Amino acid sequence: MNRAALRRAARTEWGPLVGTVWHALTTRRLGAVPMTLAAVALTAVFQIVQNQSWGFEPVQKLGSVQARLPWWLALLRTPLSLFVPALDLPVWGALAQVLLVFGIAEIALGKWRTLVVAYVATLAGTMYARLAVHIGPDSAFGLPPEAAKVIDTGPSAAVVGLAVYVTWRYRAWFTCALVVLAMVGEAVVKPNLAGKEHVAAVAAMLVLCAAEEALRRRKPRRDAYRDRDEGGQRSGAPATRS
């Protein structure tokens, strides 16, 4: 494939999304991503606090989720668990993920849709963890009982879900497929709780996107002649000039 063909493919794949993001950032600058900046700040604050001798326990009570917790408590903690960095990963990774992916999603989808999609993806991972522990390690979809004790925090499931949702909405099919395959490959190579939760988040987003596509196709197409009649001009009548 020559360079011209590659440029055309890149424009087809990323052109609409890049154009939307670039226009928002050049016209509104940081005002285009206020929710993302707040999320980055909240993640940084949680990281600083949980590394203090007095702060670890309060942060865990606010945003730490484990599969062994009661349902009601896990659901209460899940929204804030997105912004509590995982203890075994460098915090700069979580901050970079939130800044980049949440920022793109906020511009492309709006802040409320971004938060809803992020929460659905994270909740899918949380629900899967409980189901996987119940299934047990004998199944490819299961997890050992020890996984119920793993502290499950961080934005990774939300980031994966947003990446799939945004690329689907903007018809960046190659990128969407690449994200899906990468998450499946991760779960195969490293079949731990995090890897399988990412696949659960991807599955939830694919179901959500498919449902939205089905609803969109069921909507009646707008009829230009009917719309013109409803505006006060009958179909076939000659236009009048003022």
C-alpha atoms as a PDB file:
ATOM      1  CA  MET A   1       0.000   0.000   0.000  1.00  0.00           C
ATOM      2  CA  ASN A   2       1.491   3.352  -1.048  1.00  0.00           C
ATOM      3  CA  ARG A   3       1.603   6.508   1.030  1.00  0.00           C
ATOM      4  CA  ALA A   4      -1.401   8.088  -0.651  1.00  0.00           C
ATOM      5  CA  ALA A   5      -3.514   5.029   0.101  1.00  0.00           C
ATOM      6  CA  LEU A   6      -2.298   5.015   3.698  1.00  0.00           C
ATOM      7  CA  ARG A   7      -3.227   8.681   4.101  1.00  0.00           C
ATOM      8  CA  ARG A   8      -6.683   8.026   2.691  1.00  0.00           C
ATOM      9  CA  ALA A   9      -7.144   5.074   5.042  1.00  0.00           C
ATOM     10  CA  ALA A  10      -5.998   7.164   8.017  1.00  0.00           C
ATOM     11  CA  ARG A  11      -8.373   9.987   7.103  1.00  0.00           C
ATOM     12  CA  THR A  12     -11.240   7.534   6.779  1.00  0.00           C
ATOM     13  CA  GLU A  13     -10.380   5.858  10.082  1.00  0.00           C
ATOM     14  CA  TRP A  14      -9.556   8.834  12.282  1.00  0.00           C
ATOM     15  CA  GLY A  15     -10.499  11.941  10.314  1.00  0.00           C
ATOM     16  CA  PRO A  16     -13.950  12.611  11.837  1.00  0.00           C
ATOM     17  CA  LEU A  17     -12.810  11.980  15.414  1.00  0.00           C
ATOM     18  CA  VAL A  18      -9.553  13.909  15.102  1.00  0.00           C
ATOM     19  CA  GLY A  19     -11.401  16.802  13.462  1.00  0.00           C
ATOM     20  CA  THR A  20     -13.942  16.944  16.279  1.00  0.00           C
ATOM     21  CA  VAL A  21     -11.287  16.832  19.000  1.00  0.00           C
ATOM     22  CA  TRP A  22      -8.967  19.316  17.276  1.00  0.00           C
ATOM     23  CA  HIS A  23     -11.737  21.845  16.697  1.00  0.00           C
ATOM     24  CA  ALA A  24     -12.864  21.658  20.330  1.00  0.00           C
ATOM     25  CA  LEU A  25      -9.336  22.052  21.701  1.00  0.00           C
ATOM     26  CA  THR A  26      -8.382  24.924  19.392  1.00  0.00           C
ATOM     27  CA  THR A  27     -11.581  26.880  20.043  1.00  0.00           C
ATOM     28  CA  ARG A  28     -12.240  26.118  23.702  1.00  0.00           C
ATOM     29  CA  ARG A  29      -8.851  24.820  24.892  1.00  0.00           C
ATOM     30  CA  LEU A  30      -9.084  23.381  28.423  1.00  0.00           C
ATOM     31  CA  GLY A  31     -12.711  24.491  28.614  1.00  0.00           C
ATOM     32  CA  ALA A  32     -13.521  21.604  26.286  1.00  0.00           C
ATOM     33  CA  VAL A  33     -12.649  18.994  28.927  1.00  0.00           C
ATOM     34  CA  PRO A  34     -13.651  20.254  32.393  1.00  0.00           C
ATOM     35  CA  MET A  35     -14.910  16.859  33.550  1.00  0.00           C
ATOM     36  CA  THR A  36     -11.698  15.178  32.435  1.00  0.00           C
ATOM     37  CA  LEU A  37      -9.550  17.672  34.309  1.00  0.00           C
ATOM     38  CA  ALA A  38     -11.671  17.165  37.426  1.00  0.00           C
ATOM     39  CA  ALA A  39     -11.281  13.379  37.045  1.00  0.00           C
ATOM     40  CA  VAL A  40      -7.493  13.692  36.727  1.00  0.00           C
ATOM     41  CA  ALA A  41      -7.374  15.908  39.809  1.00  0.00           C
ATOM     42  CA  LEU A  42      -9.582  13.501  41.782  1.00  0.00           C
ATOM     43  CA  THR A  43      -7.388  10.544  40.789  1.00  0.00           C
ATOM     44  CA  ALA A  44      -4.262  12.425  41.878  1.00  0.00           C
ATOM     45  CA  VAL A  45      -5.851  13.372  45.208  1.00  0.00           C
ATOM     46  CA  PHE A  46      -6.874   9.766  45.893  1.00  0.00           C
ATOM     47  CA  GLN A  47      -3.341   8.621  45.089  1.00  0.00           C
ATOM     48  CA  ILE A  48      -1.778  11.141  47.472  1.00  0.00           C
ATOM     49  CA  VAL A  49      -4.240  10.402  50.270  1.00  0.00           C
ATOM     50  CA  GLN A  50      -4.098   6.604  50.061  1.00  0.00           C
ATOM     51  CA  ASN A  51      -0.299   6.720  50.388  1.00  0.00           C
ATOM     52  CA  GLN A  52      -0.560   8.485  53.743  1.00  0.00           C
ATOM     53  CA  SER A  53      -0.639   6.460  56.937  1.00  0.00           C
ATOM     54  CA  TRP A  54      -3.949   8.055  57.876  1.00  0.00           C
ATOM     55  CA  GLY A  55      -5.484   8.008  54.389  1.00  0.00           C
ATOM     56  CA  PHE A  56      -5.362   4.432  53.145  1.00  0.00           C
ATOM     57  CA  GLU A  57      -8.338   3.129  55.103  1.00  0.00           C
ATOM     58  CA  PRO A  58     -10.706   6.057  54.280  1.00  0.00           C
ATOM     59  CA  VAL A  59      -9.921   5.753  50.556  1.00  0.00           C
ATOM     60  CA  GLN A  60     -10.535   2.015  50.649  1.00  0.00           C
ATOM     61  CA  LYS A  61     -13.875   2.532  52.365  1.00  0.00           C
ATOM     62  CA  LEU A  62     -14.903   5.081  49.736  1.00  0.00           C
ATOM     63  CA  GLY A  63     -13.730   3.443  46.531  1.00  0.00           C
ATOM     64  CA  SER A  64     -12.326  -0.037  47.073  1.00  0.00           C
ATOM     65  CA  VAL A  65     -14.347  -2.842  45.472  1.00  0.00           C
ATOM     66  CA  GLN A  66     -13.874  -6.556  46.036  1.00  0.00           C
ATOM     67  CA  ALA A  67     -15.957  -9.462  44.780  1.00  0.00           C
ATOM     68  CA  ARG A  68     -16.511 -10.651  48.338  1.00  0.00           C
ATOM     69  CA  LEU A  69     -18.273  -7.426  49.358  1.00  0.00           C
ATOM     70  CA  PRO A  70     -22.083  -7.305  49.658  1.00  0.00           C
ATOM     71  CA  TRP A  71     -23.793  -6.178  46.452  1.00  0.00           C
ATOM     72  CA  TRP A  72     -25.128  -2.941  47.897  1.00  0.00           C
ATOM     73  CA  LEU A  73     -21.719  -1.893  49.205  1.00  0.00           C
ATOM     74  CA  ALA A  74     -19.961  -2.728  45.939  1.00  0.00           C
ATOM     75  CA  LEU A  75     -22.505  -0.684  43.990  1.00  0.00           C
ATOM     76  CA  LEU A  76     -22.032   2.280  46.310  1.00  0.00           C
ATOM     77  CA  ARG A  77     -18.256   2.194  45.918  1.00  0.00           C
ATOM     78  CA  THR A  78     -18.094   1.477  42.179  1.00  0.00           C
ATOM     79  CA  PRO A  79     -18.470   5.097  40.927  1.00  0.00           C
ATOM     80  CA  LEU A  80     -15.505   6.340  42.964  1.00  0.00           C
ATOM     81  CA  SER A  81     -13.491   3.175  42.299  1.00  0.00           C
ATOM     82  CA  LEU A  82     -12.844   4.530  38.775  1.00  0.00           C
ATOM     83  CA  PHE A  83     -10.681   7.264  40.259  1.00  0.00           C
ATOM     84  CA  VAL A  84      -8.805   5.283  42.917  1.00  0.00           C
ATOM     85  CA  PRO A  85      -5.486   4.204  41.314  1.00  0.00           C
ATOM     86  CA  ALA A  86      -4.629   0.526  41.538  1.00  0.00           C
ATOM     87  CA  LEU A  87      -2.045  -0.120  44.234  1.00  0.00           C
ATOM     88  CA  ASP A  88       0.142  -2.368  42.064  1.00  0.00           C
ATOM     89  CA  LEU A  89       0.396  -0.023  39.059  1.00  0.00           C
ATOM     90  CA  PRO A  90       2.183   3.322  38.561  1.00  0.00           C
ATOM     91  CA  VAL A  91      -0.167   6.241  39.078  1.00  0.00           C
ATOM     92  CA  TRP A  92       1.097   8.075  35.999  1.00  0.00           C
ATOM     93  CA  GLY A  93      -0.471   5.334  33.890  1.00  0.00           C
ATOM     94  CA  ALA A  94      -3.907   5.938  35.407  1.00  0.00           C
ATOM     95  CA  LEU A  95      -3.545   9.705  35.049  1.00  0.00           C
ATOM     96  CA  ALA A  96      -2.480   9.403  31.404  1.00  0.00           C
ATOM     97  CA  GLN A  97      -5.373   7.054  30.618  1.00  0.00           C
ATOM     98  CA  VAL A  98      -7.928   9.370  32.179  1.00  0.00           C
ATOM     99  CA  LEU A  99      -6.509  12.491  30.542  1.00  0.00           C
ATOM    100  CA  LEU A 100      -6.291  11.017  27.055  1.00  0.00           C
ATOM    101  CA  VAL A 101      -9.282   8.690  26.761  1.00  0.00           C
ATOM    102  CA  PHE A 102     -11.703  10.562  29.007  1.00  0.00           C
ATOM    103  CA  GLY A 103     -10.693  13.807  27.280  1.00  0.00           C
ATOM    104  CA  ILE A 104     -11.390  12.463  23.797  1.00  0.00           C
ATOM    105  CA  ALA A 105     -14.647  10.903  24.962  1.00  0.00           C
ATOM    106  CA  GLU A 106     -15.831  14.081  26.694  1.00  0.00           C
ATOM    107  CA  ILE A 107     -15.361  16.053  23.480  1.00  0.00           C
ATOM    108  CA  ALA A 108     -16.794  13.342  21.241  1.00  0.00           C
ATOM    109  CA  LEU A 109     -19.735  12.271  23.416  1.00  0.00           C
ATOM    110  CA  GLY A 110     -20.308  14.970  26.019  1.00  0.00           C
ATOM    111  CA  LYS A 111     -19.528  14.739  29.709  1.00  0.00           C
ATOM    112  CA  TRP A 112     -22.687  12.982  30.880  1.00  0.00           C
ATOM    113  CA  ARG A 113     -22.641  10.273  28.220  1.00  0.00           C
ATOM    114  CA  THR A 114     -18.927   9.777  28.934  1.00  0.00           C
ATOM    115  CA  LEU A 115     -19.595   9.270  32.639  1.00  0.00           C
ATOM    116  CA  VAL A 116     -22.484   6.877  31.960  1.00  0.00           C
ATOM    117  CA  VAL A 117     -20.463   4.774  29.504  1.00  0.00           C
ATOM    118  CA  ALA A 118     -17.483   4.717  31.894  1.00  0.00           C
ATOM    119  CA  TYR A 119     -19.713   3.605  34.763  1.00  0.00           C
ATOM    120  CA  VAL A 120     -21.431   0.890  32.691  1.00  0.00           C
ATOM    121  CA  ALA A 121     -18.053  -0.515  31.624  1.00  0.00           C
ATOM    122  CA  THR A 122     -16.737  -0.501  35.194  1.00  0.00           C
ATOM    123  CA  LEU A 123     -19.944  -2.013  36.539  1.00  0.00           C
ATOM    124  CA  ALA A 124     -19.746  -4.777  33.930  1.00  0.00           C
ATOM    125  CA  GLY A 125     -16.299  -5.670  35.242  1.00  0.00           C
ATOM    126  CA  THR A 126     -17.476  -5.595  38.839  1.00  0.00           C
ATOM    127  CA  MET A 127     -20.445  -7.861  38.076  1.00  0.00           C
ATOM    128  CA  TYR A 128     -18.282 -10.228  36.065  1.00  0.00           C
ATOM    129  CA  ALA A 129     -15.813 -10.629  38.950  1.00  0.00           C
ATOM    130  CA  ARG A 130     -18.558 -11.962  41.195  1.00  0.00           C
ATOM    131  CA  LEU A 131     -19.866 -14.308  38.515  1.00  0.00           C
ATOM    132  CA  ALA A 132     -16.377 -15.562  37.663  1.00  0.00           C
ATOM    133  CA  VAL A 133     -15.584 -16.398  41.287  1.00  0.00           C
ATOM    134  CA  HIS A 134     -18.904 -18.250  41.526  1.00  0.00           C
ATOM    135  CA  ILE A 135     -18.114 -20.236  38.354  1.00  0.00           C
ATOM    136  CA  GLY A 136     -14.706 -21.218  39.661  1.00  0.00           C
ATOM    137  CA  PRO A 137     -11.310 -21.855  38.086  1.00  0.00           C
ATOM    138  CA  ASP A 138     -12.382 -25.001  36.178  1.00  0.00           C
ATOM    139  CA  SER A 139     -14.051 -22.850  33.510  1.00  0.00           C
ATOM    140  CA  ALA A 140     -12.270 -20.564  31.035  1.00  0.00           C
ATOM    141  CA  PHE A 141     -14.605 -17.802  32.190  1.00  0.00           C
ATOM    142  CA  GLY A 142     -14.101 -18.453  35.897  1.00  0.00           C
ATOM    143  CA  LEU A 143     -11.655 -17.303  38.549  1.00  0.00           C
ATOM    144  CA  PRO A 144     -10.231 -18.927  41.697  1.00  0.00           C
ATOM    145  CA  PRO A 145     -11.743 -18.058  45.095  1.00  0.00           C
ATOM    146  CA  GLU A 146      -8.724 -15.886  45.958  1.00  0.00           C
ATOM    147  CA  ALA A 147      -9.831 -13.396  43.288  1.00  0.00           C
ATOM    148  CA  ALA A 148     -12.698 -12.365  45.572  1.00  0.00           C
ATOM    149  CA  LYS A 149     -10.133 -10.739  47.882  1.00  0.00           C
ATOM    150  CA  VAL A 150      -8.395  -8.707  45.158  1.00  0.00           C
ATOM    151  CA  ILE A 151      -8.822  -4.949  45.523  1.00  0.00           C
ATOM    152  CA  ASP A 152     -10.432  -3.885  42.260  1.00  0.00           C
ATOM    153  CA  THR A 153      -9.901  -0.190  41.547  1.00  0.00           C
ATOM    154  CA  GLY A 154      -8.672   2.053  38.757  1.00  0.00           C
ATOM    155  CA  PRO A 155      -9.965   3.503  35.485  1.00  0.00           C
ATOM    156  CA  SER A 156      -8.765   0.738  33.143  1.00  0.00           C
ATOM    157  CA  ALA A 157     -12.158  -0.919  32.522  1.00  0.00           C
ATOM    158  CA  ALA A 158     -13.757   2.482  31.953  1.00  0.00           C
ATOM    159  CA  VAL A 159     -10.937   3.468  29.577  1.00  0.00           C
ATOM    160  CA  VAL A 160     -11.330   0.270  27.568  1.00  0.00           C
ATOM    161  CA  GLY A 161     -15.097   0.687  27.417  1.00  0.00           C
ATOM    162  CA  LEU A 162     -14.857   4.308  26.302  1.00  0.00           C
ATOM    163  CA  ALA A 163     -12.289   3.415  23.629  1.00  0.00           C
ATOM    164  CA  VAL A 164     -14.609   0.790  22.148  1.00  0.00           C
ATOM    165  CA  TYR A 165     -17.683   3.007  22.365  1.00  0.00           C
ATOM    166  CA  VAL A 166     -16.077   6.122  20.839  1.00  0.00           C
ATOM    167  CA  THR A 167     -14.400   4.272  17.983  1.00  0.00           C
ATOM    168  CA  TRP A 168     -17.659   2.487  17.185  1.00  0.00           C
ATOM    169  CA  ARG A 169     -19.652   5.721  17.228  1.00  0.00           C
ATOM    170  CA  TYR A 170     -17.130   7.415  14.927  1.00  0.00           C
ATOM    171  CA  ARG A 171     -16.866   4.381  12.633  1.00  0.00           C
ATOM    172  CA  ALA A 172     -13.169   3.862  13.314  1.00  0.00           C
ATOM    173  CA  TRP A 173     -13.653   0.156  12.717  1.00  0.00           C
ATOM    174  CA  PHE A 174      -9.997  -0.877  12.546  1.00  0.00           C
ATOM    175  CA  THR A 175      -9.170   0.856  15.831  1.00  0.00           C
ATOM    176  CA  CYS A 176     -12.260  -0.609  17.493  1.00  0.00           C
ATOM    177  CA  ALA A 177     -11.338  -4.113  16.360  1.00  0.00           C
ATOM    178  CA  LEU A 178      -7.742  -3.570  17.493  1.00  0.00           C
ATOM    179  CA  VAL A 179      -8.881  -2.608  21.007  1.00  0.00           C
ATOM    180  CA  VAL A 180     -11.176  -5.639  21.211  1.00  0.00           C
ATOM    181  CA  LEU A 181      -8.477  -8.046  20.005  1.00  0.00           C
ATOM    182  CA  ALA A 182      -5.904  -6.530  22.357  1.00  0.00           C
ATOM    183  CA  MET A 183      -8.164  -7.060  25.362  1.00  0.00           C
ATOM    184  CA  VAL A 184      -8.977 -10.635  24.360  1.00  0.00           C
ATOM    185  CA  GLY A 185      -5.272 -11.305  23.838  1.00  0.00           C
ATOM    186  CA  GLU A 186      -4.488  -9.842  27.261  1.00  0.00           C
ATOM    187  CA  ALA A 187      -7.022 -12.157  28.906  1.00  0.00           C
ATOM    188  CA  VAL A 188      -5.585 -15.174  27.093  1.00  0.00           C
ATOM    189  CA  VAL A 189      -1.951 -14.388  27.915  1.00  0.00           C
ATOM    190  CA  LYS A 190      -2.641 -13.228  31.458  1.00  0.00           C
ATOM    191  CA  PRO A 191      -5.969 -14.695  32.621  1.00  0.00           C
ATOM    192  CA  ASN A 192      -6.225 -12.736  35.863  1.00  0.00           C
ATOM    193  CA  LEU A 193      -9.054 -10.623  37.253  1.00  0.00           C
ATOM    194  CA  ALA A 194      -8.024  -7.406  35.497  1.00  0.00           C
ATOM    195  CA  GLY A 195      -7.640  -9.012  32.074  1.00  0.00           C
ATOM    196  CA  LYS A 196     -10.988 -10.769  32.216  1.00  0.00           C
ATOM    197  CA  GLU A 197     -12.731  -7.662  33.539  1.00  0.00           C
ATOM    198  CA  HIS A 198     -11.465  -5.769  30.503  1.00  0.00           C
ATOM    199  CA  VAL A 199     -13.083  -8.369  28.249  1.00  0.00           C
ATOM    200  CA  ALA A 200     -16.312  -7.997  30.241  1.00  0.00           C
ATOM    201  CA  ALA A 201     -16.170  -4.221  29.710  1.00  0.00           C
ATOM    202  CA  VAL A 202     -15.624  -4.750  25.967  1.00  0.00           C
ATOM    203  CA  ALA A 203     -18.553  -7.169  25.792  1.00  0.00           C
ATOM    204  CA  ALA A 204     -20.829  -4.699  27.586  1.00  0.00           C
ATOM    205  CA  MET A 205     -19.859  -1.919  25.173  1.00  0.00           C
ATOM    206  CA  LEU A 206     -20.427  -4.105  22.107  1.00  0.00           C
ATOM    207  CA  VAL A 207     -23.890  -4.979  23.380  1.00  0.00           C
ATOM    208  CA  LEU A 208     -24.621  -1.313  24.094  1.00  0.00           C
ATOM    209  CA  CYS A 209     -23.401  -0.212  20.651  1.00  0.00           C
ATOM    210  CA  ALA A 210     -25.384  -2.954  18.909  1.00  0.00           C
ATOM    211  CA  ALA A 211     -28.530  -1.955  20.804  1.00  0.00           C
ATOM    212  CA  GLU A 212     -28.074   1.685  19.830  1.00  0.00           C
ATOM    213  CA  GLU A 213     -27.571   0.696  16.195  1.00  0.00           C
ATOM    214  CA  ALA A 214     -30.768  -1.363  16.257  1.00  0.00           C
ATOM    215  CA  LEU A 215     -32.751   1.495  17.782  1.00  0.00           C
ATOM    216  CA  ARG A 216     -31.339   3.948  15.250  1.00  0.00           C
ATOM    217  CA  ARG A 217     -32.357   1.745  12.336  1.00  0.00           C
ATOM    218  CA  ARG A 218     -35.872   1.322  13.693  1.00  0.00           C
ATOM    219  CA  LYS A 219     -36.484   5.066  13.700  1.00  0.00           C
ATOM    220  CA  PRO A 220     -38.609   6.168  10.706  1.00  0.00           C
ATOM    221  CA  ARG A 221     -36.689   8.046   8.059  1.00  0.00           C
ATOM    222  CA  ARG A 222     -37.521  11.682   7.661  1.00  0.00           C
ATOM    223  CA  ASP A 223     -39.632  12.397   4.589  1.00  0.00           C
ATOM    224  CA  ALA A 224     -38.625  15.668   2.939  1.00  0.00           C
ATOM    225  CA  TYR A 225     -41.995  16.120   1.233  1.00  0.00           C
ATOM    226  CA  ARG A 226     -43.924  15.403   4.434  1.00  0.00           C
ATOM    227  CA  ASP A 227     -41.701  17.790   6.393  1.00  0.00           C
ATOM    228  CA  ARG A 228     -42.278  20.483   3.782  1.00  0.00           C
ATOM    229  CA  ASP A 229     -46.050  19.975   3.967  1.00  0.00           C
ATOM    230  CA  GLU A 230     -45.956  20.237   7.755  1.00  0.00           C
ATOM    231  CA  GLY A 231     -44.132  23.542   7.343  1.00  0.00           C
ATOM    232  CA  GLY A 232     -47.134  25.012   5.589  1.00  0.00           C
ATOM    233  CA  GLN A 233     -46.324  24.318   1.942  1.00  0.00           C
ATOM    234  CA  ARG A 234     -48.184  21.462   0.257  1.00  0.00           C
ATOM    235  CA  SER A 235     -46.281  18.934  -1.772  1.00  0.00           C
ATOM    236  CA  GLY A 236     -46.249  19.834  -5.437  1.00  0.00           C
ATOM    237  CA  ALA A 237     -47.381  23.430  -4.876  1.00  0.00           C
ATOM    238  CA  PRO A 238     -45.256  26.067  -6.586  1.00  0.00           C
ATOM    239  CA  ALA A 239     -43.012  28.093  -4.343  1.00  0.00           C
ATOM    240  CA  THR A 240     -43.869  31.744  -3.902  1.00  0.00           C
ATOM    241  CA  ARG A 241     -41.403  34.563  -3.714  1.00  0.00           C
ATOM    242  CA  SER A 242     -41.676  37.457  -1.313  1.00  0.00           C
END
